[in-house]
Amino acid sequence: MLVKIEDGFYLNTVHIIAIRIAKSAELGTFQVNVEYSPHNHQASGLFQKTFMQQSAAEHYLQNLHQQISKN
């Protein structure tokens, strides 16, 4: 099943390795990292998205979780 990560960027759920979120104490921003394995399983990719507000990061994660849970 394909999951929309961002406009024009979709991943198959079997390729998603991990989803991590981190808060920058200096900037106060939230960074969501989606680690995935491309078709070459010997490598991995990393998609990063930065949010200025915690609520926006939480909303993004909730939507991502809902898409993954549909499988």
PDB file of N, CA and C in Angstrom:
ATOM      1  N   MET A   1       0.847  -1.178   0.000  1.00  0.00           N
ATOM      2  CA  MET A   1       0.000   0.000   0.000  1.00  0.00           C
ATOM      3  C   MET A   1       0.892   1.241   0.000  1.00  0.00           C
ATOM      4  N   LEU A   2       0.561   2.187  -0.832  1.00  0.00           N
ATOM      5  CA  LEU A   2       1.316   3.432  -0.893  1.00  0.00           C
ATOM      6  C   LEU A   2       0.828   4.418   0.157  1.00  0.00           C
ATOM      7  N   VAL A   3       1.768   5.116   0.758  1.00  0.00           N
ATOM      8  CA  VAL A   3       1.486   6.133   1.767  1.00  0.00           C
ATOM      9  C   VAL A   3       2.029   7.453   1.248  1.00  0.00           C
ATOM     10  N   LYS A   4       1.196   8.486   1.296  1.00  0.00           N
ATOM     11  CA  LYS A   4       1.631   9.808   0.854  1.00  0.00           C
ATOM     12  C   LYS A   4       2.473  10.443   1.957  1.00  0.00           C
ATOM     13  N   ILE A   5       3.741  10.663   1.655  1.00  0.00           N
ATOM     14  CA  ILE A   5       4.648  11.299   2.600  1.00  0.00           C
ATOM     15  C   ILE A   5       4.585  12.808   2.423  1.00  0.00           C
ATOM     16  N   GLU A   6       4.540  13.235   1.182  1.00  0.00           N
ATOM     17  CA  GLU A   6       4.436  14.649   0.832  1.00  0.00           C
ATOM     18  C   GLU A   6       3.914  14.701  -0.594  1.00  0.00           C
ATOM     19  N   ASP A   7       3.423  15.840  -1.034  1.00  0.00           N
ATOM     20  CA  ASP A   7       2.939  15.962  -2.405  1.00  0.00           C
ATOM     21  C   ASP A   7       3.997  15.458  -3.379  1.00  0.00           C
ATOM     22  N   GLY A   8       3.637  14.465  -4.167  1.00  0.00           N
ATOM     23  CA  GLY A   8       4.547  13.910  -5.155  1.00  0.00           C
ATOM     24  C   GLY A   8       5.529  12.884  -4.623  1.00  0.00           C
ATOM     25  N   PHE A   9       5.469  12.548  -3.331  1.00  0.00           N
ATOM     26  CA  PHE A   9       6.397  11.570  -2.750  1.00  0.00           C
ATOM     27  C   PHE A   9       5.599  10.536  -1.968  1.00  0.00           C
ATOM     28  N   TYR A  10       5.582   9.330  -2.485  1.00  0.00           N
ATOM     29  CA  TYR A  10       4.848   8.232  -1.874  1.00  0.00           C
ATOM     30  C   TYR A  10       5.806   7.086  -1.581  1.00  0.00           C
ATOM     31  N   LEU A  11       5.537   6.367  -0.506  1.00  0.00           N
ATOM     32  CA  LEU A  11       6.327   5.184  -0.163  1.00  0.00           C
ATOM     33  C   LEU A  11       5.397   3.996   0.027  1.00  0.00           C
ATOM     34  N   ASN A  12       5.877   2.829  -0.348  1.00  0.00           N
ATOM     35  CA  ASN A  12       5.177   1.604  -0.039  1.00  0.00           C
ATOM     36  C   ASN A  12       5.427   1.312   1.440  1.00  0.00           C
ATOM     37  N   THR A  13       4.406   0.911   2.161  1.00  0.00           N
ATOM     38  CA  THR A  13       4.547   0.708   3.609  1.00  0.00           C
ATOM     39  C   THR A  13       5.594  -0.342   3.955  1.00  0.00           C
ATOM     40  N   VAL A  14       5.837  -1.300   3.083  1.00  0.00           N
ATOM     41  CA  VAL A  14       6.850  -2.319   3.390  1.00  0.00           C
ATOM     42  C   VAL A  14       8.261  -1.743   3.341  1.00  0.00           C
ATOM     43  N   HIS A  15       8.428  -0.571   2.749  1.00  0.00           N
ATOM     44  CA  HIS A  15       9.750   0.046   2.650  1.00  0.00           C
ATOM     45  C   HIS A  15      10.049   1.000   3.808  1.00  0.00           C
ATOM     46  N   ILE A  16       9.046   1.321   4.625  1.00  0.00           N
ATOM     47  CA  ILE A  16       9.268   2.234   5.746  1.00  0.00           C
ATOM     48  C   ILE A  16       9.948   1.467   6.877  1.00  0.00           C
ATOM     49  N   ILE A  17      11.109   1.960   7.297  1.00  0.00           N
ATOM     50  CA  ILE A  17      11.877   1.313   8.359  1.00  0.00           C
ATOM     51  C   ILE A  17      11.537   1.927   9.712  1.00  0.00           C
ATOM     52  N   ALA A  18      11.554   3.252   9.792  1.00  0.00           N
ATOM     53  CA  ALA A  18      11.328   3.926  11.072  1.00  0.00           C
ATOM     54  C   ALA A  18      10.827   5.342  10.833  1.00  0.00           C
ATOM     55  N   ILE A  19      10.076   5.829  11.806  1.00  0.00           N
ATOM     56  CA  ILE A  19       9.630   7.220  11.812  1.00  0.00           C
ATOM     57  C   ILE A  19      10.065   7.798  13.147  1.00  0.00           C
ATOM     58  N   ARG A  20      10.836   8.864  13.072  1.00  0.00           N
ATOM     59  CA  ARG A  20      11.361   9.483  14.296  1.00  0.00           C
ATOM     60  C   ARG A  20      11.000  10.959  14.309  1.00  0.00           C
ATOM     61  N   ILE A  21      10.816  11.485  15.509  1.00  0.00           N
ATOM     62  CA  ILE A  21      10.574  12.916  15.659  1.00  0.00           C
ATOM     63  C   ILE A  21      11.541  13.450  16.712  1.00  0.00           C
ATOM     64  N   ALA A  22      12.056  14.630  16.441  1.00  0.00           N
ATOM     65  CA  ALA A  22      13.007  15.255  17.363  1.00  0.00           C
ATOM     66  C   ALA A  22      12.683  16.737  17.475  1.00  0.00           C
ATOM     67  N   LYS A  23      12.919  17.276  18.659  1.00  0.00           N
ATOM     68  CA  LYS A  23      12.704  18.700  18.886  1.00  0.00           C
ATOM     69  C   LYS A  23      14.061  19.383  19.025  1.00  0.00           C
ATOM     70  N   SER A  24      14.224  20.467  18.296  1.00  0.00           N
ATOM     71  CA  SER A  24      15.444  21.260  18.408  1.00  0.00           C
ATOM     72  C   SER A  24      15.268  22.231  19.566  1.00  0.00           C
ATOM     73  N   ALA A  25      16.080  22.082  20.595  1.00  0.00           N
ATOM     74  CA  ALA A  25      15.992  22.973  21.755  1.00  0.00           C
ATOM     75  C   ALA A  25      16.405  24.393  21.388  1.00  0.00           C
ATOM     76  N   GLU A  26      17.335  24.516  20.462  1.00  0.00           N
ATOM     77  CA  GLU A  26      17.822  25.836  20.064  1.00  0.00           C
ATOM     78  C   GLU A  26      16.793  26.608  19.247  1.00  0.00           C
ATOM     79  N   LEU A  27      16.193  25.927  18.266  1.00  0.00           N
ATOM     80  CA  LEU A  27      15.270  26.599  17.351  1.00  0.00           C
ATOM     81  C   LEU A  27      13.805  26.455  17.757  1.00  0.00           C
ATOM     82  N   GLY A  28      13.511  25.436  18.554  1.00  0.00           N
ATOM     83  CA  GLY A  28      12.132  25.183  18.945  1.00  0.00           C
ATOM     84  C   GLY A  28      11.313  24.535  17.845  1.00  0.00           C
ATOM     85  N   THR A  29      11.985  23.973  16.837  1.00  0.00           N
ATOM     86  CA  THR A  29      11.287  23.319  15.737  1.00  0.00           C
ATOM     87  C   THR A  29      11.216  21.816  15.979  1.00  0.00           C
ATOM     88  N   PHE A  30      10.343  21.173  15.231  1.00  0.00           N
ATOM     89  CA  PHE A  30      10.164  19.729  15.316  1.00  0.00           C
ATOM     90  C   PHE A  30      10.515  19.131  13.963  1.00  0.00           C
ATOM     91  N   GLN A  31      11.344  18.098  13.976  1.00  0.00           N
ATOM     92  CA  GLN A  31      11.756  17.465  12.734  1.00  0.00           C
ATOM     93  C   GLN A  31      11.276  16.022  12.722  1.00  0.00           C
ATOM     94  N   VAL A  32      10.548  15.671  11.670  1.00  0.00           N
ATOM     95  CA  VAL A  32      10.081  14.307  11.476  1.00  0.00           C
ATOM     96  C   VAL A  32      10.993  13.658  10.440  1.00  0.00           C
ATOM     97  N   ASN A  33      11.564  12.515  10.791  1.00  0.00           N
ATOM     98  CA  ASN A  33      12.441  11.762   9.895  1.00  0.00           C
ATOM     99  C   ASN A  33      11.779  10.432   9.562  1.00  0.00           C
ATOM    100  N   VAL A  34      11.623  10.171   8.277  1.00  0.00           N
ATOM    101  CA  VAL A  34      11.090   8.894   7.815  1.00  0.00           C
ATOM    102  C   VAL A  34      12.236   8.160   7.125  1.00  0.00           C
ATOM    103  N   GLU A  35      12.688   7.083   7.746  1.00  0.00           N
ATOM    104  CA  GLU A  35      13.759   6.280   7.163  1.00  0.00           C
ATOM    105  C   GLU A  35      13.114   5.157   6.356  1.00  0.00           C
ATOM    106  N   TYR A  36      13.613   4.951   5.157  1.00  0.00           N
ATOM    107  CA  TYR A  36      13.014   3.950   4.286  1.00  0.00           C
ATOM    108  C   TYR A  36      14.087   3.225   3.484  1.00  0.00           C
ATOM    109  N   SER A  37      13.722   2.050   3.000  1.00  0.00           N
ATOM    110  CA  SER A  37      14.623   1.294   2.130  1.00  0.00           C
ATOM    111  C   SER A  37      14.091   1.416   0.709  1.00  0.00           C
ATOM    112  N   PRO A  38      14.891   1.970  -0.179  1.00  0.00           N
ATOM    113  CA  PRO A  38      14.468   2.031  -1.579  1.00  0.00           C
ATOM    114  C   PRO A  38      14.503   0.630  -2.187  1.00  0.00           C
ATOM    115  N   HIS A  39      14.316   0.533  -3.477  1.00  0.00           N
ATOM    116  CA  HIS A  39      14.286  -0.785  -4.130  1.00  0.00           C
ATOM    117  C   HIS A  39      15.583  -1.551  -3.901  1.00  0.00           C
ATOM    118  N   ASN A  40      16.686  -0.853  -3.732  1.00  0.00           N
ATOM    119  CA  ASN A  40      17.959  -1.487  -3.407  1.00  0.00           C
ATOM    120  C   ASN A  40      18.012  -1.637  -1.889  1.00  0.00           C
ATOM    121  N   HIS A  41      17.797  -2.826  -1.393  1.00  0.00           N
ATOM    122  CA  HIS A  41      17.702  -3.052   0.053  1.00  0.00           C
ATOM    123  C   HIS A  41      19.032  -2.905   0.783  1.00  0.00           C
ATOM    124  N   GLN A  42      20.112  -2.707   0.050  1.00  0.00           N
ATOM    125  CA  GLN A  42      21.409  -2.529   0.690  1.00  0.00           C
ATOM    126  C   GLN A  42      21.636  -1.079   1.104  1.00  0.00           C
ATOM    127  N   ALA A  43      20.740  -0.206   0.706  1.00  0.00           N
ATOM    128  CA  ALA A  43      20.869   1.214   1.037  1.00  0.00           C
ATOM    129  C   ALA A  43      19.616   1.648   1.785  1.00  0.00           C
ATOM    130  N   SER A  44      19.652   2.836   2.336  1.00  0.00           N
ATOM    131  CA  SER A  44      18.451   3.386   2.958  1.00  0.00           C
ATOM    132  C   SER A  44      18.356   4.861   2.615  1.00  0.00           C
ATOM    133  N   GLY A  45      17.136   5.360   2.646  1.00  0.00           N
ATOM    134  CA  GLY A  45      16.901   6.765   2.367  1.00  0.00           C
ATOM    135  C   GLY A  45      16.331   7.434   3.598  1.00  0.00           C
ATOM    136  N   LEU A  46      16.361   8.750   3.596  1.00  0.00           N
ATOM    137  CA  LEU A  46      15.838   9.505   4.728  1.00  0.00           C
ATOM    138  C   LEU A  46      15.076  10.708   4.205  1.00  0.00           C
ATOM    139  N   PHE A  47      13.806  10.805   4.591  1.00  0.00           N
ATOM    140  CA  PHE A  47      12.986  11.962   4.268  1.00  0.00           C
ATOM    141  C   PHE A  47      12.855  12.784   5.537  1.00  0.00           C
ATOM    142  N   GLN A  48      13.136  14.084   5.454  1.00  0.00           N
ATOM    143  CA  GLN A  48      13.051  14.962   6.619  1.00  0.00           C
ATOM    144  C   GLN A  48      12.051  16.078   6.353  1.00  0.00           C
ATOM    145  N   LYS A  49      11.240  16.343   7.345  1.00  0.00           N
ATOM    146  CA  LYS A  49      10.265  17.429   7.260  1.00  0.00           C
ATOM    147  C   LYS A  49      10.314  18.184   8.578  1.00  0.00           C
ATOM    148  N   THR A  50      10.415  19.514   8.503  1.00  0.00           N
ATOM    149  CA  THR A  50      10.537  20.351   9.695  1.00  0.00           C
ATOM    150  C   THR A  50       9.255  21.153   9.895  1.00  0.00           C
ATOM    151  N   PHE A  51       8.826  21.227  11.153  1.00  0.00           N
ATOM    152  CA  PHE A  51       7.620  21.963  11.521  1.00  0.00           C
ATOM    153  C   PHE A  51       7.969  23.009  12.566  1.00  0.00           C
ATOM    154  N   MET A  52       7.344  24.149  12.476  1.00  0.00           N
ATOM    155  CA  MET A  52       7.578  25.223  13.435  1.00  0.00           C
ATOM    156  C   MET A  52       6.778  25.012  14.720  1.00  0.00           C
ATOM    157  N   GLN A  53       5.636  24.328  14.611  1.00  0.00           N
ATOM    158  CA  GLN A  53       4.758  24.140  15.763  1.00  0.00           C
ATOM    159  C   GLN A  53       4.569  22.655  16.053  1.00  0.00           C
ATOM    160  N   GLN A  54       4.449  22.341  17.322  1.00  0.00           N
ATOM    161  CA  GLN A  54       4.236  20.960  17.744  1.00  0.00           C
ATOM    162  C   GLN A  54       2.927  20.419  17.189  1.00  0.00           C
ATOM    163  N   SER A  55       1.889  21.227  17.173  1.00  0.00           N
ATOM    164  CA  SER A  55       0.588  20.765  16.696  1.00  0.00           C
ATOM    165  C   SER A  55       0.645  20.361  15.225  1.00  0.00           C
ATOM    166  N   ALA A  56       1.418  21.068  14.420  1.00  0.00           N
ATOM    167  CA  ALA A  56       1.557  20.720  13.000  1.00  0.00           C
ATOM    168  C   ALA A  56       2.289  19.392  12.842  1.00  0.00           C
ATOM    169  N   ALA A  57       3.325  19.169  13.648  1.00  0.00           N
ATOM    170  CA  ALA A  57       4.062  17.903  13.604  1.00  0.00           C
ATOM    171  C   ALA A  57       3.165  16.748  14.044  1.00  0.00           C
ATOM    172  N   GLU A  58       2.375  16.959  15.090  1.00  0.00           N
ATOM    173  CA  GLU A  58       1.462  15.924  15.570  1.00  0.00           C
ATOM    174  C   GLU A  58       0.412  15.598  14.517  1.00  0.00           C
ATOM    175  N   HIS A  59      -0.113  16.614  13.855  1.00  0.00           N
ATOM    176  CA  HIS A  59      -1.119  16.415  12.807  1.00  0.00           C
ATOM    177  C   HIS A  59      -0.533  15.591  11.656  1.00  0.00           C
ATOM    178  N   TYR A  60       0.681  15.913  11.255  1.00  0.00           N
ATOM    179  CA  TYR A  60       1.358  15.170  10.192  1.00  0.00           C
ATOM    180  C   TYR A  60       1.532  13.703  10.595  1.00  0.00           C
ATOM    181  N   LEU A  61       1.984  13.465  11.825  1.00  0.00           N
ATOM    182  CA  LEU A  61       2.187  12.094  12.303  1.00  0.00           C
ATOM    183  C   LEU A  61       0.876  11.323  12.391  1.00  0.00           C
ATOM    184  N   GLN A  62      -0.189  11.987  12.825  1.00  0.00           N
ATOM    185  CA  GLN A  62      -1.493  11.330  12.906  1.00  0.00           C
ATOM    186  C   GLN A  62      -1.973  10.910  11.522  1.00  0.00           C
ATOM    187  N   ASN A  63      -1.827  11.795  10.541  1.00  0.00           N
ATOM    188  CA  ASN A  63      -2.231  11.458   9.178  1.00  0.00           C
ATOM    189  C   ASN A  63      -1.404  10.307   8.622  1.00  0.00           C
ATOM    190  N   LEU A  64      -0.121  10.334   8.882  1.00  0.00           N
ATOM    191  CA  LEU A  64       0.764   9.266   8.428  1.00  0.00           C
ATOM    192  C   LEU A  64       0.375   7.939   9.080  1.00  0.00           C
ATOM    193  N   HIS A  65       0.109   7.974  10.370  1.00  0.00           N
ATOM    194  CA  HIS A  65      -0.307   6.767  11.100  1.00  0.00           C
ATOM    195  C   HIS A  65      -1.613   6.208  10.538  1.00  0.00           C
ATOM    196  N   GLN A  66      -2.573   7.076  10.252  1.00  0.00           N
ATOM    197  CA  GLN A  66      -3.854   6.626   9.707  1.00  0.00           C
ATOM    198  C   GLN A  66      -3.670   5.946   8.357  1.00  0.00           C
ATOM    199  N   GLN A  67      -2.809   6.511   7.522  1.00  0.00           N
ATOM    200  CA  GLN A  67      -2.566   5.909   6.210  1.00  0.00           C
ATOM    201  C   GLN A  67      -1.909   4.535   6.344  1.00  0.00           C
ATOM    202  N   ILE A  68      -0.939   4.426   7.242  1.00  0.00           N
ATOM    203  CA  ILE A  68      -0.243   3.154   7.434  1.00  0.00           C
ATOM    204  C   ILE A  68      -1.185   2.116   8.037  1.00  0.00           C
ATOM    205  N   SER A  69      -2.072   2.537   8.934  1.00  0.00           N
ATOM    206  CA  SER A  69      -2.990   1.618   9.616  1.00  0.00           C
ATOM    207  C   SER A  69      -4.047   1.038   8.690  1.00  0.00           C
ATOM    208  N   LYS A  70      -4.289   1.661   7.562  1.00  0.00           N
ATOM    209  CA  LYS A  70      -5.309   1.177   6.627  1.00  0.00           C
ATOM    210  C   LYS A  70      -4.919  -0.146   5.985  1.00  0.00           C
ATOM    211  N   ASN A  71      -3.672  -0.513   6.098  1.00  0.00           N
ATOM    212  CA  ASN A  71      -3.194  -1.753   5.455  1.00  0.00           C
ATOM    213  C   ASN A  71      -3.656  -2.968   6.197  1.00  0.00           C
TER     214      ASN A  71
END
